[in-house]
N, C-alpha and C. Protein backbone atom coordinates (compact mmCIF):
# COMPACT_ATOMS: atom_id res chain seq x y z
N MET A 1 76.72 84.57 79.44
CA MET A 1 77.35 83.30 79.13
C MET A 1 76.79 82.75 77.82
N LEU A 2 75.51 82.94 77.62
CA LEU A 2 74.89 82.45 76.39
C LEU A 2 75.51 83.13 75.17
N LEU A 3 75.80 84.42 75.28
CA LEU A 3 76.42 85.14 74.17
C LEU A 3 77.77 84.53 73.81
N ILE A 4 78.54 84.16 74.82
CA ILE A 4 79.85 83.54 74.57
C ILE A 4 79.67 82.22 73.84
N GLU A 5 78.70 81.43 74.28
CA GLU A 5 78.44 80.15 73.62
C GLU A 5 78.03 80.35 72.17
N VAL A 6 77.23 81.37 71.89
CA VAL A 6 76.80 81.66 70.52
C VAL A 6 78.01 82.03 69.66
N ILE A 7 78.89 82.88 70.20
CA ILE A 7 80.08 83.29 69.45
C ILE A 7 80.99 82.09 69.19
N LEU A 8 81.23 81.28 70.21
CA LEU A 8 82.08 80.09 70.03
C LEU A 8 81.48 79.15 68.99
N HIS A 9 80.19 78.94 69.07
CA HIS A 9 79.52 78.07 68.10
C HIS A 9 79.64 78.64 66.68
N GLY A 10 79.47 79.94 66.55
CA GLY A 10 79.58 80.58 65.24
C GLY A 10 80.97 80.44 64.64
N ARG A 11 81.98 80.41 65.48
CA ARG A 11 83.36 80.22 65.00
C ARG A 11 83.74 78.75 64.86
N GLY A 12 82.89 77.88 65.36
CA GLY A 12 83.22 76.46 65.33
C GLY A 12 84.26 76.08 66.36
N TRP A 13 84.31 76.84 67.47
CA TRP A 13 85.31 76.61 68.51
C TRP A 13 84.69 75.90 69.70
N SER A 14 85.51 75.09 70.35
CA SER A 14 85.14 74.53 71.65
C SER A 14 85.69 75.47 72.73
N CYS A 15 85.31 75.21 73.97
CA CYS A 15 85.89 76.01 75.08
C CYS A 15 87.40 75.83 75.12
N GLN A 16 87.87 74.62 74.83
CA GLN A 16 89.31 74.36 74.82
C GLN A 16 90.00 75.17 73.72
N ASP A 17 89.39 75.26 72.54
CA ASP A 17 89.95 76.08 71.46
C ASP A 17 90.10 77.52 71.91
N TRP A 18 89.08 78.03 72.55
CA TRP A 18 89.08 79.42 73.04
C TRP A 18 90.20 79.60 74.08
N TYR A 19 90.29 78.66 75.00
CA TYR A 19 91.31 78.72 76.05
C TYR A 19 92.72 78.75 75.45
N GLU A 20 92.94 78.00 74.41
CA GLU A 20 94.27 77.89 73.81
C GLU A 20 94.68 79.13 73.01
N THR A 21 93.77 80.08 72.82
CA THR A 21 94.12 81.31 72.09
C THR A 21 94.92 82.26 72.96
N TYR A 22 94.93 82.04 74.27
CA TYR A 22 95.64 82.93 75.19
C TYR A 22 96.92 82.25 75.68
N THR A 23 98.01 82.98 75.61
CA THR A 23 99.28 82.49 76.13
C THR A 23 99.76 83.46 77.20
N ASP A 24 99.94 82.96 78.40
CA ASP A 24 100.42 83.79 79.50
C ASP A 24 101.92 84.00 79.32
N LEU A 25 102.34 85.27 79.22
CA LEU A 25 103.75 85.58 79.03
C LEU A 25 104.47 85.68 80.37
N PRO A 26 105.76 85.38 80.38
CA PRO A 26 106.54 85.58 81.60
C PRO A 26 106.47 87.05 82.02
N ASN A 27 106.39 87.30 83.32
CA ASN A 27 106.28 88.68 83.79
C ASN A 27 107.04 88.85 85.10
N ARG A 28 107.24 90.12 85.44
CA ARG A 28 107.94 90.46 86.67
C ARG A 28 107.32 91.74 87.24
N MET A 29 107.13 91.75 88.54
CA MET A 29 106.65 92.93 89.24
C MET A 29 107.73 93.34 90.23
N THR A 30 108.09 94.62 90.20
CA THR A 30 109.06 95.16 91.15
C THR A 30 108.47 96.41 91.80
N LYS A 31 109.15 96.90 92.81
CA LYS A 31 108.70 98.16 93.42
C LYS A 31 109.91 99.03 93.70
N ILE A 32 109.69 100.34 93.53
CA ILE A 32 110.74 101.34 93.72
C ILE A 32 110.27 102.30 94.81
N THR A 33 111.11 102.54 95.79
CA THR A 33 110.78 103.52 96.83
C THR A 33 111.08 104.91 96.29
N VAL A 34 110.11 105.81 96.44
CA VAL A 34 110.25 107.19 95.95
C VAL A 34 109.95 108.17 97.07
N LYS A 35 110.37 109.42 96.89
CA LYS A 35 110.10 110.46 97.89
C LYS A 35 108.60 110.70 98.05
N ASP A 36 107.90 110.73 96.90
CA ASP A 36 106.47 111.04 96.92
C ASP A 36 105.77 110.28 95.81
N ARG A 37 104.94 109.34 96.16
CA ARG A 37 104.24 108.51 95.17
C ARG A 37 103.32 109.32 94.27
N HIS A 38 102.90 110.49 94.70
CA HIS A 38 101.98 111.32 93.91
C HIS A 38 102.64 111.93 92.68
N VAL A 39 103.96 111.77 92.58
CA VAL A 39 104.67 112.25 91.38
C VAL A 39 104.25 111.41 90.16
N ILE A 40 103.86 110.17 90.38
CA ILE A 40 103.41 109.31 89.29
C ILE A 40 101.91 109.49 89.12
N GLU A 41 101.52 109.88 87.91
CA GLU A 41 100.11 109.96 87.55
C GLU A 41 99.90 109.10 86.32
N THR A 42 98.75 108.44 86.25
CA THR A 42 98.50 107.51 85.15
C THR A 42 97.14 107.76 84.51
N THR A 43 96.96 107.14 83.35
CA THR A 43 95.69 107.16 82.64
C THR A 43 95.53 105.80 81.97
N ASP A 44 94.44 105.61 81.24
CA ASP A 44 94.19 104.36 80.50
C ASP A 44 94.29 103.15 81.43
N ALA A 45 93.47 103.17 82.49
CA ALA A 45 93.43 102.07 83.46
C ALA A 45 94.80 101.78 84.06
N GLU A 46 95.54 102.84 84.34
CA GLU A 46 96.87 102.78 84.95
C GLU A 46 97.91 102.10 84.06
N ARG A 47 97.69 102.13 82.74
CA ARG A 47 98.66 101.53 81.82
C ARG A 47 99.58 102.54 81.17
N LYS A 48 99.30 103.83 81.32
CA LYS A 48 100.13 104.89 80.74
C LYS A 48 100.42 105.94 81.80
N ALA A 49 101.69 106.29 81.91
CA ALA A 49 102.10 107.33 82.87
C ALA A 49 101.99 108.69 82.20
N THR A 50 101.31 109.62 82.85
CA THR A 50 101.22 110.98 82.34
C THR A 50 102.19 111.91 83.07
N SER A 51 102.72 111.45 84.17
CA SER A 51 103.67 112.23 84.95
C SER A 51 104.54 111.24 85.72
N PRO A 52 105.83 111.51 85.87
CA PRO A 52 106.57 112.69 85.48
C PRO A 52 106.82 112.72 83.96
N GLU A 53 107.07 113.92 83.48
CA GLU A 53 107.31 114.11 82.05
C GLU A 53 108.47 113.25 81.58
N GLY A 54 108.26 112.58 80.47
CA GLY A 54 109.30 111.76 79.87
C GLY A 54 109.29 110.30 80.29
N LEU A 55 108.60 109.97 81.37
CA LEU A 55 108.62 108.58 81.84
C LEU A 55 107.96 107.64 80.83
N GLN A 56 106.77 107.99 80.35
CA GLN A 56 106.09 107.08 79.43
C GLN A 56 106.87 106.92 78.13
N LEU A 57 107.45 108.00 77.63
CA LEU A 57 108.27 107.90 76.43
C LEU A 57 109.44 106.95 76.65
N ALA A 58 110.08 107.06 77.81
CA ALA A 58 111.20 106.17 78.13
C ALA A 58 110.74 104.72 78.21
N ILE A 59 109.59 104.48 78.83
CA ILE A 59 109.05 103.12 78.92
C ILE A 59 108.76 102.58 77.53
N ASP A 60 108.13 103.39 76.69
CA ASP A 60 107.81 102.95 75.33
C ASP A 60 109.05 102.57 74.55
N GLU A 61 110.11 103.35 74.70
CA GLU A 61 111.37 103.05 74.00
C GLU A 61 111.99 101.75 74.52
N LEU A 62 111.94 101.53 75.81
CA LEU A 62 112.49 100.29 76.37
C LEU A 62 111.69 99.08 75.91
N VAL A 63 110.38 99.20 75.88
CA VAL A 63 109.52 98.09 75.47
C VAL A 63 109.83 97.67 74.03
N LYS A 64 110.17 98.61 73.17
CA LYS A 64 110.47 98.31 71.76
C LYS A 64 111.66 97.37 71.60
N LYS A 65 112.51 97.29 72.59
CA LYS A 65 113.70 96.45 72.52
C LYS A 65 113.40 94.96 72.67
N TYR A 66 112.20 94.63 73.13
CA TYR A 66 111.87 93.24 73.46
C TYR A 66 110.67 92.75 72.66
N SER A 67 110.63 91.45 72.45
CA SER A 67 109.54 90.84 71.70
C SER A 67 108.34 90.59 72.62
N CYS A 68 107.15 90.86 72.11
CA CYS A 68 105.89 90.62 72.83
C CYS A 68 105.90 91.28 74.21
N ALA A 69 106.43 92.48 74.30
CA ALA A 69 106.64 93.10 75.60
C ALA A 69 105.65 94.22 75.88
N ARG A 70 105.46 94.48 77.17
CA ARG A 70 104.74 95.65 77.65
C ARG A 70 105.19 95.91 79.07
N SER A 71 105.03 97.15 79.50
CA SER A 71 105.40 97.51 80.86
C SER A 71 104.61 98.73 81.27
N PHE A 72 104.29 98.81 82.54
CA PHE A 72 103.63 100.00 83.06
C PHE A 72 103.96 100.17 84.52
N THR A 73 103.70 101.39 85.00
CA THR A 73 103.98 101.73 86.39
C THR A 73 102.70 102.24 87.03
N ARG A 74 102.64 102.11 88.34
CA ARG A 74 101.52 102.70 89.07
C ARG A 74 101.96 102.96 90.50
N PRO A 75 101.51 104.07 91.05
CA PRO A 75 101.87 104.37 92.43
C PRO A 75 101.06 103.52 93.40
N SER A 76 101.66 103.22 94.53
CA SER A 76 100.94 102.54 95.60
C SER A 76 99.87 103.49 96.12
N GLY A 77 98.80 102.93 96.61
CA GLY A 77 97.75 103.75 97.20
C GLY A 77 98.01 104.10 98.66
N THR A 78 99.01 103.46 99.28
CA THR A 78 99.20 103.65 100.72
C THR A 78 100.61 104.02 101.15
N GLU A 79 101.60 103.78 100.30
CA GLU A 79 102.98 104.07 100.71
C GLU A 79 103.74 104.68 99.55
N ASP A 80 104.88 105.28 99.83
CA ASP A 80 105.66 105.96 98.80
C ASP A 80 106.51 104.97 98.02
N ILE A 81 105.83 104.14 97.27
CA ILE A 81 106.49 103.22 96.34
C ILE A 81 105.75 103.27 95.01
N VAL A 82 106.46 102.89 93.97
CA VAL A 82 105.90 102.77 92.63
C VAL A 82 106.09 101.33 92.20
N ARG A 83 105.02 100.70 91.76
CA ARG A 83 105.10 99.32 91.27
C ARG A 83 105.37 99.35 89.77
N VAL A 84 106.27 98.48 89.35
CA VAL A 84 106.63 98.34 87.95
C VAL A 84 106.25 96.94 87.51
N TYR A 85 105.47 96.85 86.43
CA TYR A 85 105.08 95.55 85.87
C TYR A 85 105.71 95.46 84.48
N ALA A 86 106.28 94.30 84.17
CA ALA A 86 106.85 94.08 82.84
C ALA A 86 106.58 92.65 82.41
N GLU A 87 106.30 92.48 81.13
CA GLU A 87 106.19 91.14 80.58
C GLU A 87 106.83 91.12 79.20
N ALA A 88 107.32 89.94 78.82
CA ALA A 88 108.00 89.78 77.54
C ALA A 88 107.98 88.31 77.16
N ASP A 89 108.58 88.00 76.03
CA ASP A 89 108.52 86.65 75.49
C ASP A 89 109.27 85.61 76.32
N THR A 90 110.28 86.02 77.07
CA THR A 90 111.03 85.08 77.91
C THR A 90 111.17 85.65 79.32
N ARG A 91 111.44 84.81 80.28
CA ARG A 91 111.66 85.25 81.66
C ARG A 91 112.84 86.22 81.72
N GLU A 92 113.91 85.93 80.98
CA GLU A 92 115.08 86.80 80.99
C GLU A 92 114.74 88.19 80.46
N ASN A 93 113.96 88.24 79.40
CA ASN A 93 113.57 89.53 78.83
C ASN A 93 112.61 90.29 79.75
N ALA A 94 111.70 89.59 80.39
CA ALA A 94 110.78 90.23 81.34
C ALA A 94 111.58 90.82 82.52
N ASP A 95 112.55 90.06 83.01
CA ASP A 95 113.39 90.55 84.11
C ASP A 95 114.22 91.76 83.68
N ALA A 96 114.80 91.69 82.48
CA ALA A 96 115.62 92.81 81.99
C ALA A 96 114.77 94.06 81.79
N LEU A 97 113.58 93.90 81.22
CA LEU A 97 112.69 95.04 81.01
C LEU A 97 112.25 95.64 82.35
N ALA A 98 111.90 94.80 83.29
CA ALA A 98 111.50 95.30 84.61
C ALA A 98 112.64 96.09 85.26
N TYR A 99 113.85 95.59 85.14
CA TYR A 99 115.01 96.30 85.69
C TYR A 99 115.19 97.65 85.02
N GLU A 100 115.16 97.68 83.68
CA GLU A 100 115.40 98.93 82.95
C GLU A 100 114.31 99.96 83.24
N VAL A 101 113.06 99.53 83.32
CA VAL A 101 111.98 100.46 83.64
C VAL A 101 112.13 100.94 85.10
N SER A 102 112.52 100.05 85.98
CA SER A 102 112.73 100.42 87.38
C SER A 102 113.79 101.51 87.51
N VAL A 103 114.86 101.40 86.73
CA VAL A 103 115.91 102.43 86.75
C VAL A 103 115.34 103.77 86.29
N LYS A 104 114.53 103.76 85.22
CA LYS A 104 113.92 105.00 84.74
C LYS A 104 112.99 105.61 85.78
N VAL A 105 112.21 104.78 86.44
CA VAL A 105 111.33 105.28 87.50
C VAL A 105 112.18 105.90 88.61
N TYR A 106 113.23 105.21 89.00
CA TYR A 106 114.12 105.72 90.05
C TYR A 106 114.68 107.08 89.66
N GLU A 107 115.13 107.21 88.42
CA GLU A 107 115.75 108.45 87.96
C GLU A 107 114.74 109.59 87.79
N LEU A 108 113.57 109.29 87.22
CA LEU A 108 112.62 110.34 86.85
C LEU A 108 111.56 110.64 87.91
N ALA A 109 111.36 109.72 88.85
CA ALA A 109 110.29 109.90 89.83
C ALA A 109 110.82 110.11 91.25
N GLY A 110 112.09 110.41 91.38
CA GLY A 110 112.63 110.72 92.70
C GLY A 110 112.86 109.50 93.57
N GLY A 111 113.49 108.48 92.98
CA GLY A 111 113.79 107.29 93.76
C GLY A 111 114.72 107.59 94.93
N ILE A 112 114.51 106.88 96.03
CA ILE A 112 115.39 107.03 97.19
C ILE A 112 115.90 105.65 97.60
N GLY A 113 116.96 105.64 98.35
CA GLY A 113 117.56 104.37 98.75
C GLY A 113 118.45 103.84 97.64
N ASP A 114 118.71 102.55 97.68
CA ASP A 114 119.58 101.91 96.69
C ASP A 114 118.96 101.95 95.30
N ARG A 115 119.81 102.18 94.30
CA ARG A 115 119.36 102.09 92.91
C ARG A 115 118.94 100.65 92.60
N PRO A 116 118.00 100.47 91.70
CA PRO A 116 117.59 99.10 91.33
C PRO A 116 118.79 98.32 90.80
N LYS A 117 118.79 97.04 91.07
CA LYS A 117 119.83 96.14 90.60
C LYS A 117 119.21 95.14 89.63
N PRO A 118 120.02 94.63 88.68
CA PRO A 118 119.49 93.64 87.73
C PRO A 118 118.88 92.45 88.49
N LEU A 119 117.82 91.91 87.94
CA LEU A 119 117.14 90.78 88.58
C LEU A 119 117.77 89.47 88.20
């Protein structure tokens, strides 16, 4: 804690100044039912999909369409579902990104049941 106070003092910031540097973006979490959750493998603290092939590239391309956006997927630890997280500059964009990534997960990771619908 002392180190944080030293850094803030060195920058001439108050705790309020530091707090105001972070803006929470609108986000959406969805889940997709899949045949086998083990088809999804991740790296980089579960922020990058390494399997199935092509999923991360598809996510990266979708993210480029939106401002201040990011999205990642991760398999459930207990059931055959994949969680999709998306955030963007507006609620509408976060919802649209989550939907588009969900469709890719459904298509590339063996989704079962109803296809994802727009949020």
